[in-house]
Amino acid sequence: MKSHPIPSSAVRRRSAFTLVELVIVITIVGILSASGIYLIVGFIDDAKVQRVESDLNTLDLALKAYERNNYFKPPTQEQGLQALVERPTGEPQPERWRAYLEKPMKDPWGNEYQYRYPAQKSSKKYDLFSLGEDGVESDDDIGNW
C-alpha cells in the first residue's frame, strides 16, 4: 500500500493562524496590558500617599525637637519649615538652634510641605500638610489632622 501525500496547501492551512485568531489574541493582550497599567497607576498613587505620611512624621519629629530646644515654642508662621533648615532671622529668635533637616522637604508632586501656626485643622499646635497632586489647598490635601 502506498500512502498518499497530503497536499502542501492543506499543511500550510493547518500550521498558520487565521486573521480572526490573531485579532482575538491581540485584543486579549491589549486588555490585559491596559488592566495591568491601571493597577500599577493605583499602586503608584498609594505609594505617594504613604510617602507623604512618612514625610509628615519626619517633619513632625523635627518640629518637636525644635520645640524642645526652644522652650516648647514652635517656629512662627513667618519662619515656617525653613526654620528647620536654617536659623531664622526674624523674631522670636530660637534660644538653642541647630539644623534639624539638611534641606527643605518636598512632597511626591514636587511641592513644598505646608506649615500653619497656629493650627486650624489639627489638634496639635500646628498644621502640617501636602497640597496633594493639584498643588492647591483643597479637599485632597494630606495632613496631620
Protein backbone atom coordinates (compact mmCIF):
# COMPACT_ATOMS: atom_id res chain seq x y z
CA MET A 1 0.00 0.00 0.00
CA LYS A 2 1.10 3.32 -0.99
CA SER A 3 0.27 6.33 1.16
CA HIS A 4 -0.94 9.44 -0.50
CA PRO A 5 0.96 12.58 0.36
CA ILE A 6 -1.00 15.42 1.93
CA PRO A 7 -1.20 18.38 -0.42
CA SER A 8 1.12 21.22 0.67
CA SER A 9 -1.71 23.79 0.76
CA ALA A 10 -3.52 21.74 3.43
CA VAL A 11 -0.36 21.64 5.57
CA ARG A 12 0.03 25.38 5.30
CA ARG A 13 -3.55 25.99 6.39
CA ARG A 14 -3.22 23.82 9.46
CA SER A 15 0.09 25.35 10.66
CA ALA A 16 -0.82 29.03 10.29
CA PHE A 17 -3.01 31.29 12.43
CA THR A 18 -6.09 32.78 10.87
CA LEU A 19 -6.65 36.51 10.89
CA VAL A 20 -9.52 36.07 13.35
CA GLU A 21 -7.28 34.17 15.79
CA LEU A 22 -4.61 36.89 15.58
CA VAL A 23 -7.15 39.64 16.22
CA ILE A 24 -8.53 37.76 19.25
CA VAL A 25 -5.05 37.24 20.73
CA ILE A 26 -4.05 40.88 20.15
CA THR A 27 -7.30 42.06 21.76
CA ILE A 28 -6.74 39.85 24.82
CA VAL A 29 -3.14 41.07 25.18
CA GLY A 30 -4.33 44.67 24.89
CA ILE A 31 -6.99 44.22 27.57
CA LEU A 32 -4.53 42.56 29.94
CA SER A 33 -1.95 45.30 29.36
CA ALA A 34 -4.46 48.07 29.98
CA SER A 35 -5.69 46.50 33.22
CA GLY A 36 -2.07 45.99 34.34
CA ILE A 37 -1.28 49.65 33.72
CA TYR A 38 -4.41 50.66 35.63
CA LEU A 39 -3.31 48.57 38.62
CA ILE A 40 0.24 49.96 38.52
CA VAL A 41 -1.04 53.55 38.48
CA GLY A 42 -3.17 52.75 41.53
CA PHE A 43 -0.14 51.36 43.36
CA ILE A 44 1.90 54.44 42.47
CA ASP A 45 -0.80 56.74 43.86
CA ASP A 46 -0.94 54.68 47.08
CA ALA A 47 2.85 54.82 47.38
CA LYS A 48 2.79 58.63 47.05
CA VAL A 49 0.24 58.95 49.85
CA GLN A 50 2.30 56.64 52.06
CA ARG A 51 5.41 58.71 51.33
CA VAL A 52 3.58 61.91 52.32
CA GLU A 53 2.51 60.32 55.60
CA SER A 54 6.10 59.24 56.28
CA ASP A 55 7.45 62.69 55.40
CA LEU A 56 4.90 64.34 57.69
CA ASN A 57 6.07 62.10 60.54
CA THR A 58 9.67 63.13 59.85
CA LEU A 59 8.73 66.82 59.80
CA ASP A 60 6.69 66.40 62.98
CA LEU A 61 9.68 64.84 64.77
CA ALA A 62 11.94 67.67 63.57
CA LEU A 63 9.42 70.26 64.80
CA LYS A 64 9.18 68.53 68.19
CA ALA A 65 12.98 68.61 68.50
CA TYR A 66 12.93 72.31 67.57
CA GLU A 67 10.31 72.94 70.25
CA ARG A 68 12.23 71.02 72.93
CA ASN A 69 15.35 73.06 72.23
CA ASN A 70 13.44 76.35 72.27
CA TYR A 71 11.32 76.20 75.40
CA PHE A 72 8.44 74.42 73.67
CA LYS A 73 7.85 77.16 71.13
CA PRO A 74 7.39 76.01 67.53
CA PRO A 75 8.52 78.21 64.62
CA THR A 76 6.20 81.09 63.83
CA GLN A 77 4.07 81.09 60.68
CA GLU A 78 6.56 83.51 59.07
CA GLN A 79 9.56 81.36 60.00
CA GLY A 80 7.84 78.25 58.72
CA LEU A 81 9.54 74.94 57.97
CA GLN A 82 12.60 76.82 56.74
CA ALA A 83 13.45 77.27 60.45
CA LEU A 84 14.32 73.56 60.48
CA VAL A 85 16.95 74.06 57.76
CA GLU A 86 18.50 77.45 58.55
CA ARG A 87 18.48 79.72 61.58
CA PRO A 88 15.52 82.12 61.46
CA THR A 89 16.38 85.80 61.11
CA GLY A 90 13.06 87.15 62.37
CA GLU A 91 11.72 87.34 65.90
CA PRO A 92 11.42 85.44 68.09
CA GLN A 93 14.94 84.10 67.78
CA PRO A 94 15.37 80.49 68.86
CA GLU A 95 17.46 80.12 72.01
CA ARG A 96 19.32 76.97 71.00
CA TRP A 97 19.08 76.47 67.28
CA ARG A 98 20.62 73.72 65.18
CA ALA A 99 19.79 72.33 61.72
CA TYR A 100 17.09 69.69 62.02
CA LEU A 101 16.94 68.94 58.29
CA GLU A 102 19.61 69.16 55.58
CA LYS A 103 17.25 70.74 53.06
CA PRO A 104 13.55 71.57 52.73
CA MET A 105 11.42 68.51 52.03
CA LYS A 106 9.15 68.30 49.01
CA ASP A 107 6.14 66.08 48.52
CA PRO A 108 5.99 63.44 45.73
CA TRP A 109 4.46 66.03 43.38
CA GLY A 110 7.40 68.43 43.82
CA ASN A 111 5.66 70.94 46.11
CA GLU A 112 6.99 72.08 49.46
CA TYR A 113 5.15 70.85 52.51
CA GLN A 114 2.88 73.41 54.15
CA TYR A 115 3.11 74.63 57.75
CA ARG A 116 0.46 76.68 59.51
CA TYR A 117 0.84 78.04 63.03
CA PRO A 118 -1.41 78.16 64.94
CA ALA A 119 -3.28 75.10 63.72
CA GLN A 120 -6.67 75.42 62.06
CA LYS A 121 -7.41 71.73 61.45
CA SER A 122 -5.08 69.74 63.69
CA SER A 123 -5.35 69.13 67.42
CA LYS A 124 -1.61 69.89 67.60
CA LYS A 125 -0.13 73.38 67.80
CA TYR A 126 0.40 73.48 64.02
CA ASP A 127 -0.94 72.09 60.77
CA LEU A 128 1.49 70.18 58.59
CA PHE A 129 0.26 69.09 55.17
CA SER A 130 0.85 68.40 51.50
CA LEU A 131 -1.28 70.20 48.94
CA GLY A 132 -1.65 66.93 47.06
CA GLU A 133 -1.45 66.34 43.35
CA ASP A 134 -3.30 69.53 42.35
CA GLY A 135 -0.89 71.79 44.28
CA VAL A 136 -3.63 73.99 45.76
CA GLU A 137 -5.29 73.92 49.15
CA SER A 138 -8.39 71.76 48.71
CA ASP A 139 -10.15 68.62 49.96
CA ASP A 140 -7.42 66.31 48.60
CA ASP A 141 -4.75 67.69 50.96
CA ILE A 142 -2.96 65.16 53.15
CA GLY A 143 -2.14 66.43 56.63
CA ASN A 144 -1.65 65.80 60.33
CA TRP A 145 -5.36 66.17 61.07
